[in-house]
C-alpha cells in the first residue's frame, strides 16, 4: 500500500489552466465609472512622476544623493502604476477578463516587485534623514551618490530574485478546479487559493512577502524616526529644531499614505471579513493613490524642489524673452561700396 502511494506521489502531474478569469467586482451596477476614475488617476500619476523626474534631471541643485532616491521613488511609482492600472482598465473597461497563465504570473511579478521597491525606497529616504539629523557633520561622507546607487542596485537585485522565487512557486501548484480569480489583478493569494494540491509553501512565502513589503521596512523606518526624535530633543534652539523637523515632513507624509492604508486593510480584514467588492476597492485604492500623491507632496512640501521649479521657470522665461525674433537691428547695412 505504501509503495503504491509513493509511486503515485512520484508521478504527480501539475494541471495548469490555459487562462485565468479575473472576476473583479461582483454586483456593483456602475463599476465602469470606477475604472474611468482609475484612468484619471493613472494620467495624473504619469504626469506627476514624469514632472518630478524631469525637475530632478534638469535642476543642478537637485543632483544630490537624496534626490537620486527621490528620482527612484518616482520611477518606481510610475512603473508600479503602469504594471497595474492599464491592465485593470483593459480587463474590466474593455471586458478582456481572460488572461493567459504566463501573462498572469508576469503581471503578478511586476506589480509586487515595484510595490516592494516603493517600500524599500521610503526606507532609504528615512536612512537619509537619520544621517542628516543625527550625524550632520558626516552626512556628505556617508550619504554619497555611489552609496545610494549601490543601495538601489542591491534593492533591485534582492527584489527581483525574491519575487522570481515568490511567483515561480505558483508553478508547483495544480489547478484542477475553478480558474476564476476574485480579484482585480493576478494577486498571489487568490491564485494559490485555487490550487487543489498542497499550497503550504505558497502560504509561507505570502507571509514572508508581506513581512518584506510592509512590516520590516516600517519597523526600520519607525526605529529611524525614534533615533531622529532623540537627536531633535538634544537641539537647544527651538528654531533649529523646527527647521530639522521640516526636512522630514514630506517623507513622513509619504510613509503615512503608503503604509497606513495597507495596515488598515490588513487589520480590518482580520477583525471582520470584508465584502468582496469593498475589499477590491480598498486594495486597488491602496495601490494606486500613493503613487499619484507622492510627486504632488514632494513638489508642494519640499522647499528645494519648489525653488528649483521657480529657477527653471525663470530661466525658461529669460531664454524666451531675450531670444531675438530676427537679427534685424544687429544686421550690418548693405552697401555696394563695402570692401570685399
Protein backbone atom coordinates (compact mmCIF):
# COMPACT_ATOMS: atom_id res chain seq x y z
CA UNK A 1 0.00 0.00 0.00
CA UNK A 2 2.77 2.41 0.96
CA UNK A 3 4.69 1.61 -2.23
CA UNK A 4 1.60 2.46 -4.32
CA UNK A 5 1.24 5.82 -2.55
CA UNK A 6 4.89 6.67 -3.12
CA UNK A 7 4.63 5.74 -6.79
CA UNK A 8 1.50 7.81 -7.24
CA UNK A 9 3.08 10.76 -5.46
CA UNK A 10 6.19 10.42 -7.62
CA UNK A 11 4.07 10.51 -10.77
CA UNK A 12 2.14 13.66 -9.84
CA UNK A 13 1.43 15.86 -12.84
CA UNK A 14 0.68 19.54 -12.42
CA UNK A 15 -2.50 20.78 -14.04
CA UNK A 16 -2.21 24.37 -15.25
CA UNK A 17 -5.10 26.29 -16.77
CA UNK A 18 -4.62 27.90 -20.15
CA UNK A 19 -6.16 31.09 -18.75
CA UNK A 20 -7.42 32.64 -15.54
CA UNK A 21 -10.65 34.62 -15.44
CA UNK A 22 -10.31 37.82 -13.39
CA UNK A 23 -13.70 38.32 -11.81
CA UNK A 24 -13.28 41.78 -10.33
CA UNK A 25 -16.43 43.37 -8.95
CA UNK A 26 -19.46 41.21 -8.31
CA UNK A 27 -22.64 43.24 -8.01
CA UNK A 28 -21.79 46.92 -8.47
CA UNK A 29 -24.08 48.36 -11.17
CA UNK A 30 -21.88 51.27 -12.35
CA UNK A 31 -18.41 49.81 -11.85
CA UNK A 32 -17.23 51.28 -15.18
CA UNK A 33 -17.22 54.75 -13.64
CA UNK A 34 -14.69 53.49 -11.12
CA UNK A 35 -12.42 52.27 -13.92
CA UNK A 36 -12.72 55.67 -15.61
CA UNK A 37 -11.65 57.19 -12.27
CA UNK A 38 -8.63 54.85 -12.23
CA UNK A 39 -7.80 56.07 -15.74
CA UNK A 40 -7.68 59.66 -14.47
CA UNK A 41 -5.56 58.55 -11.51
CA UNK A 42 -3.13 56.92 -13.93
CA UNK A 43 -2.88 60.04 -16.11
CA UNK A 44 -2.11 62.22 -13.05
CA UNK A 45 0.40 59.61 -11.83
CA UNK A 46 2.26 59.56 -15.15
CA UNK A 47 2.31 63.36 -15.47
CA UNK A 48 3.26 63.98 -11.82
CA UNK A 49 6.06 61.44 -11.61
CA UNK A 50 7.41 62.36 -15.05
CA UNK A 51 7.39 66.01 -13.96
CA UNK A 52 9.32 65.36 -10.73
CA UNK A 53 11.87 63.20 -12.58
CA UNK A 54 12.38 65.95 -15.19
CA UNK A 55 12.85 68.59 -12.48
CA UNK A 56 15.46 66.45 -10.71
CA UNK A 57 17.22 65.79 -14.02
CA UNK A 58 17.25 69.46 -15.13
CA UNK A 59 17.98 71.22 -11.80
CA UNK A 60 21.66 71.01 -10.91
CA UNK A 61 20.97 71.79 -7.24
CA UNK A 62 18.98 68.53 -7.03
CA UNK A 63 21.85 66.39 -8.34
CA UNK A 64 22.48 65.01 -4.85
CA UNK A 65 22.37 61.57 -3.24
CA UNK A 66 19.00 62.27 -1.60
CA UNK A 67 17.32 63.21 -4.87
CA UNK A 68 18.68 60.11 -6.60
CA UNK A 69 16.49 58.21 -4.11
CA UNK A 70 13.56 60.58 -4.75
CA UNK A 71 14.01 60.06 -8.51
CA UNK A 72 13.99 56.31 -7.92
CA UNK A 73 10.79 56.57 -5.88
CA UNK A 74 9.10 58.48 -8.72
CA UNK A 75 10.35 55.90 -11.22
CA UNK A 76 9.07 53.01 -9.06
CA UNK A 77 5.70 54.73 -8.63
CA UNK A 78 5.42 55.24 -12.38
CA UNK A 79 6.37 51.64 -13.22
CA UNK A 80 4.20 50.18 -10.46
CA UNK A 81 1.13 52.07 -11.66
CA UNK A 82 1.93 51.15 -15.28
CA UNK A 83 2.12 47.47 -14.34
CA UNK A 84 -1.28 47.61 -12.64
CA UNK A 85 -3.72 50.29 -13.85
CA UNK A 86 -3.60 49.86 -17.67
CA UNK A 87 -4.15 46.13 -17.24
CA UNK A 88 -7.08 46.72 -14.87
CA UNK A 89 -8.65 49.16 -17.34
CA UNK A 90 -8.15 46.75 -20.25
CA UNK A 91 -9.54 43.86 -18.19
CA UNK A 92 -12.76 45.47 -16.98
CA UNK A 93 -13.48 48.55 -19.04
CA UNK A 94 -12.91 46.65 -22.31
CA UNK A 95 -14.03 43.30 -20.85
CA UNK A 96 -10.83 41.31 -21.52
CA UNK A 97 -11.13 39.33 -18.30
CA UNK A 98 -9.38 36.19 -19.55
CA UNK A 99 -5.60 36.28 -19.03
CA UNK A 100 -3.15 33.58 -20.03
CA UNK A 101 -1.32 31.65 -17.31
CA UNK A 102 2.11 33.07 -18.20
CA UNK A 103 0.81 36.63 -18.58
CA UNK A 104 -0.85 36.32 -15.17
CA UNK A 105 2.42 35.33 -13.47
CA UNK A 106 4.32 38.09 -15.30
CA UNK A 107 1.80 40.71 -14.19
CA UNK A 108 1.98 39.39 -10.62
CA UNK A 109 5.79 39.66 -10.60
CA UNK A 110 5.95 43.27 -11.81
CA UNK A 111 3.16 44.54 -9.53
CA UNK A 112 4.79 43.10 -6.39
CA UNK A 113 8.34 43.94 -7.50
CA UNK A 114 7.61 47.64 -7.93
CA UNK A 115 5.50 47.81 -4.76
CA UNK A 116 8.46 46.36 -2.92
CA UNK A 117 10.81 48.93 -4.48
CA UNK A 118 8.47 51.75 -3.38
CA UNK A 119 8.55 50.44 0.19
CA UNK A 120 12.34 49.99 0.21
CA UNK A 121 12.90 53.45 -1.29
CA UNK A 122 10.90 55.01 1.55
CA UNK A 123 13.24 53.16 3.90
CA UNK A 124 16.28 54.58 2.06
CA UNK A 125 14.87 58.10 2.41
CA UNK A 126 14.39 57.56 6.17
CA UNK A 127 18.05 56.49 6.34
CA UNK A 128 18.97 59.74 4.56
CA UNK A 129 17.05 61.79 7.16
CA UNK A 130 18.59 59.77 10.01
CA UNK A 131 22.14 60.52 8.90
CA UNK A 132 21.33 64.17 8.08
CA UNK A 133 19.94 64.91 11.55
CA UNK A 134 21.91 62.54 13.79
CA UNK A 135 25.29 62.86 12.02
CA UNK A 136 25.15 66.23 10.21
CA UNK A 137 28.92 66.72 10.03
CA UNK A 138 29.44 63.32 8.41
CA UNK A 139 26.37 63.43 6.15
CA UNK A 140 28.21 64.16 2.89
CA UNK A 141 30.79 61.50 3.66
CA UNK A 142 28.19 58.80 4.43
CA UNK A 143 25.30 59.57 2.06
CA UNK A 144 27.13 59.77 -1.25
CA UNK A 145 25.96 59.19 -4.80
CA UNK A 146 27.91 55.91 -5.17
CA UNK A 147 26.46 54.69 -1.85
CA UNK A 148 22.87 55.41 -2.96
CA UNK A 149 23.44 53.79 -6.36
CA UNK A 150 24.86 50.73 -4.58
CA UNK A 151 21.85 50.55 -2.23
CA UNK A 152 19.42 50.87 -5.14
CA UNK A 153 21.31 48.17 -7.06
CA UNK A 154 21.13 45.81 -4.06
CA UNK A 155 17.39 46.58 -3.70
CA UNK A 156 16.72 45.70 -7.34
CA UNK A 157 18.78 42.51 -7.20
CA UNK A 158 17.19 41.30 -3.98
CA UNK A 159 13.64 42.17 -5.06
CA UNK A 160 13.98 40.53 -8.48
CA UNK A 161 15.46 37.32 -7.03
CA UNK A 162 12.92 37.10 -4.21
CA UNK A 163 9.85 37.75 -6.35
CA UNK A 164 11.10 35.41 -9.08
CA UNK A 165 11.10 32.64 -6.47
CA UNK A 166 7.84 34.00 -4.98
CA UNK A 167 6.00 33.86 -8.31
CA UNK A 168 7.85 30.76 -9.52
CA UNK A 169 6.39 28.71 -6.67
CA UNK A 170 2.99 29.02 -8.34
CA UNK A 171 4.31 26.52 -10.89
CA UNK A 172 4.38 23.90 -8.13
CA UNK A 173 0.59 24.14 -7.81
CA UNK A 174 -2.02 22.13 -9.63
CA UNK A 175 -5.28 23.82 -10.68
CA UNK A 176 -7.87 21.14 -11.23
CA UNK A 177 -10.96 23.16 -10.29
CA UNK A 178 -12.06 26.74 -10.90
CA UNK A 179 -9.87 29.26 -12.74
CA UNK A 180 -11.83 32.32 -11.53
CA UNK A 181 -9.79 34.88 -9.55
CA UNK A 182 -11.82 37.01 -7.14
CA UNK A 183 -9.52 39.98 -7.52
CA UNK A 184 -8.81 42.91 -9.85
CA UNK A 185 -5.40 41.60 -10.97
CA UNK A 186 -3.38 38.39 -10.71
CA UNK A 187 -2.94 38.62 -6.95
CA UNK A 188 -0.89 35.96 -5.18
CA UNK A 189 -3.38 34.76 -2.57
CA UNK A 190 -6.38 34.36 -4.91
CA UNK A 191 -4.16 32.37 -7.30
CA UNK A 192 -2.73 29.89 -4.77
CA UNK A 193 -6.16 29.57 -3.11
CA UNK A 194 -7.42 27.87 -6.30
CA UNK A 195 -4.84 25.06 -6.03
CA UNK A 196 -6.03 21.53 -5.38
CA UNK A 197 -2.69 20.27 -4.05
CA UNK A 198 -0.58 21.32 -1.06
CA UNK A 199 -0.06 25.10 -1.08
CA UNK A 200 1.54 25.46 2.38
CA UNK A 201 4.82 26.68 0.85
CA UNK A 202 2.96 29.39 -1.04
CA UNK A 203 1.17 30.47 2.15
CA UNK A 204 4.56 30.72 3.90
CA UNK A 205 6.03 32.75 1.02
CA UNK A 206 2.99 35.02 1.11
CA UNK A 207 3.65 35.76 4.78
CA UNK A 208 7.36 36.33 4.13
CA UNK A 209 6.47 38.63 1.21
CA UNK A 210 4.11 40.65 3.41
CA UNK A 211 6.83 40.97 6.05
CA UNK A 212 9.38 42.19 3.49
CA UNK A 213 6.94 44.52 1.79
CA UNK A 214 5.27 46.05 4.84
CA UNK A 215 6.46 45.18 8.30
CA UNK A 216 10.25 45.04 8.04
CA UNK A 217 10.65 48.43 6.25
CA UNK A 218 8.04 50.05 8.50
CA UNK A 219 9.76 48.83 11.68
CA UNK A 220 13.12 50.14 10.44
CA UNK A 221 11.53 53.48 9.49
CA UNK A 222 9.99 53.68 12.98
CA UNK A 223 13.41 52.99 14.56
CA UNK A 224 14.97 55.68 12.33
CA UNK A 225 12.47 58.29 13.44
CA UNK A 226 12.80 57.26 17.07
CA UNK A 227 16.55 58.00 16.80
CA UNK A 228 15.76 61.26 14.97
CA UNK A 229 13.35 62.27 17.78
CA UNK A 230 16.08 61.66 20.37
CA UNK A 231 18.52 63.77 18.34
CA UNK A 232 15.96 66.58 17.99
CA UNK A 233 15.48 66.71 21.77
CA UNK A 234 19.19 67.46 22.15
CA UNK A 235 18.97 70.52 19.89
CA UNK A 236 19.00 73.55 22.19
CA UNK A 237 17.43 76.14 19.89
CA UNK A 238 13.76 75.74 19.01
CA UNK A 239 14.22 77.38 15.61
CA UNK A 240 16.87 74.83 14.60
CA UNK A 241 14.65 72.01 15.85
CA UNK A 242 11.69 73.20 13.76
CA UNK A 243 13.96 73.59 10.72
CA UNK A 244 15.15 69.99 11.14
CA UNK A 245 11.58 68.72 11.56
CA UNK A 246 10.51 70.48 8.34
CA UNK A 247 13.08 68.47 6.38
CA UNK A 248 11.26 65.28 7.49
CA UNK A 249 7.62 66.30 6.93
CA UNK A 250 7.37 65.37 3.25
CA UNK A 251 8.89 61.94 3.90
CA UNK A 252 6.62 61.30 6.89
CA UNK A 253 3.56 62.12 4.76
CA UNK A 254 4.73 59.69 2.07
CA UNK A 255 5.25 56.98 4.69
CA UNK A 256 1.78 57.61 6.13
CA UNK A 257 -0.08 57.48 2.80
CA UNK A 258 1.78 54.32 1.74
CA UNK A 259 1.65 52.20 4.91
CA UNK A 260 -1.47 53.31 6.82
CA UNK A 261 -3.99 52.16 4.14
CA UNK A 262 -2.19 48.79 3.78
CA UNK A 263 -2.10 48.23 7.54
CA UNK A 264 -5.72 49.38 7.94
CA UNK A 265 -6.91 46.94 5.27
CA UNK A 266 -4.99 44.04 6.81
CA UNK A 267 -6.16 44.76 10.37
CA UNK A 268 -9.78 45.32 9.29
CA UNK A 269 -9.85 42.08 7.28
CA UNK A 270 -8.61 40.14 10.32
CA UNK A 271 -11.36 41.53 12.56
CA UNK A 272 -14.34 41.49 10.20
CA UNK A 273 -14.45 39.79 6.78
CA UNK A 274 -14.81 42.35 4.01
CA UNK A 275 -17.47 42.24 1.34
CA UNK A 276 -15.55 41.20 -1.85
CA UNK A 277 -16.36 44.47 -3.63
CA UNK A 278 -15.28 46.57 -0.65
CA UNK A 279 -12.04 44.61 -0.38
CA UNK A 280 -11.25 45.08 -4.07
CA UNK A 281 -11.96 48.84 -3.95
CA UNK A 282 -9.87 49.30 -0.80
CA UNK A 283 -6.94 47.29 -2.16
CA UNK A 284 -6.98 49.00 -5.55
CA UNK A 285 -7.07 52.49 -4.00
CA UNK A 286 -4.27 51.49 -1.62
CA UNK A 287 -2.06 50.57 -4.58
CA UNK A 288 -2.97 53.42 -6.95
CA UNK A 289 -3.45 56.58 -4.86
CA UNK A 290 0.00 56.85 -3.15
CA UNK A 291 1.95 56.88 -6.47
CA UNK A 292 -0.33 59.71 -7.65
CA UNK A 293 0.11 61.77 -4.46
CA UNK A 294 3.87 61.30 -3.95
CA UNK A 295 5.08 63.77 -6.62
CA UNK A 296 2.44 66.32 -5.57
CA UNK A 297 3.59 66.14 -1.94
CA UNK A 298 7.27 66.39 -2.87
CA UNK A 299 6.55 69.37 -5.11
CA UNK A 300 4.46 71.31 -2.58
CA UNK A 301 6.17 70.34 0.69
CA UNK A 302 9.87 70.39 -0.28
CA UNK A 303 11.44 73.83 -0.44
CA UNK A 304 14.39 72.69 -2.58
CA UNK A 305 12.07 71.30 -5.26
CA UNK A 306 9.87 74.40 -5.29
CA UNK A 307 12.93 76.63 -5.54
CA UNK A 308 14.29 74.54 -8.40
CA UNK A 309 10.96 74.77 -10.26
CA UNK A 310 10.99 78.58 -9.87
CA UNK A 311 14.59 78.80 -11.09
CA UNK A 312 13.89 76.61 -14.12
CA UNK A 313 10.79 78.66 -14.92
CA UNK A 314 12.69 81.96 -14.67
CA UNK A 315 15.49 80.58 -16.84
CA UNK A 316 12.98 79.43 -19.44
CA UNK A 317 11.22 82.82 -19.44
CA UNK A 318 14.53 84.67 -19.78
CA UNK A 319 15.57 82.46 -22.69
CA UNK A 320 12.21 83.12 -24.36
CA UNK A 321 12.18 86.90 -23.84
CA UNK A 322 15.86 87.54 -24.69
CA UNK A 323 15.92 85.35 -27.75
CA UNK A 324 15.72 87.71 -30.78
CA UNK A 325 12.93 87.03 -33.20
CA UNK A 326 15.06 88.30 -36.06
CA UNK A 327 18.52 89.79 -36.27
CA UNK A 328 17.32 93.00 -37.96
CA UNK A 329 18.84 95.53 -35.53
CA UNK A 330 22.20 93.77 -35.35
CA UNK A 331 22.48 93.36 -39.13
CA UNK A 332 25.07 95.43 -40.95
CA UNK A 333 23.61 97.82 -43.57
CA UNK A 334 24.21 96.60 -47.07
CA UNK A 335 26.31 98.79 -49.31
CA UNK A 336 27.64 98.03 -52.73
CA UNK A 337 30.72 100.09 -51.81
CA UNK A 338 31.71 97.69 -48.97
CA UNK A 339 35.16 96.25 -49.48
CA UNK A 340 35.34 92.55 -50.26
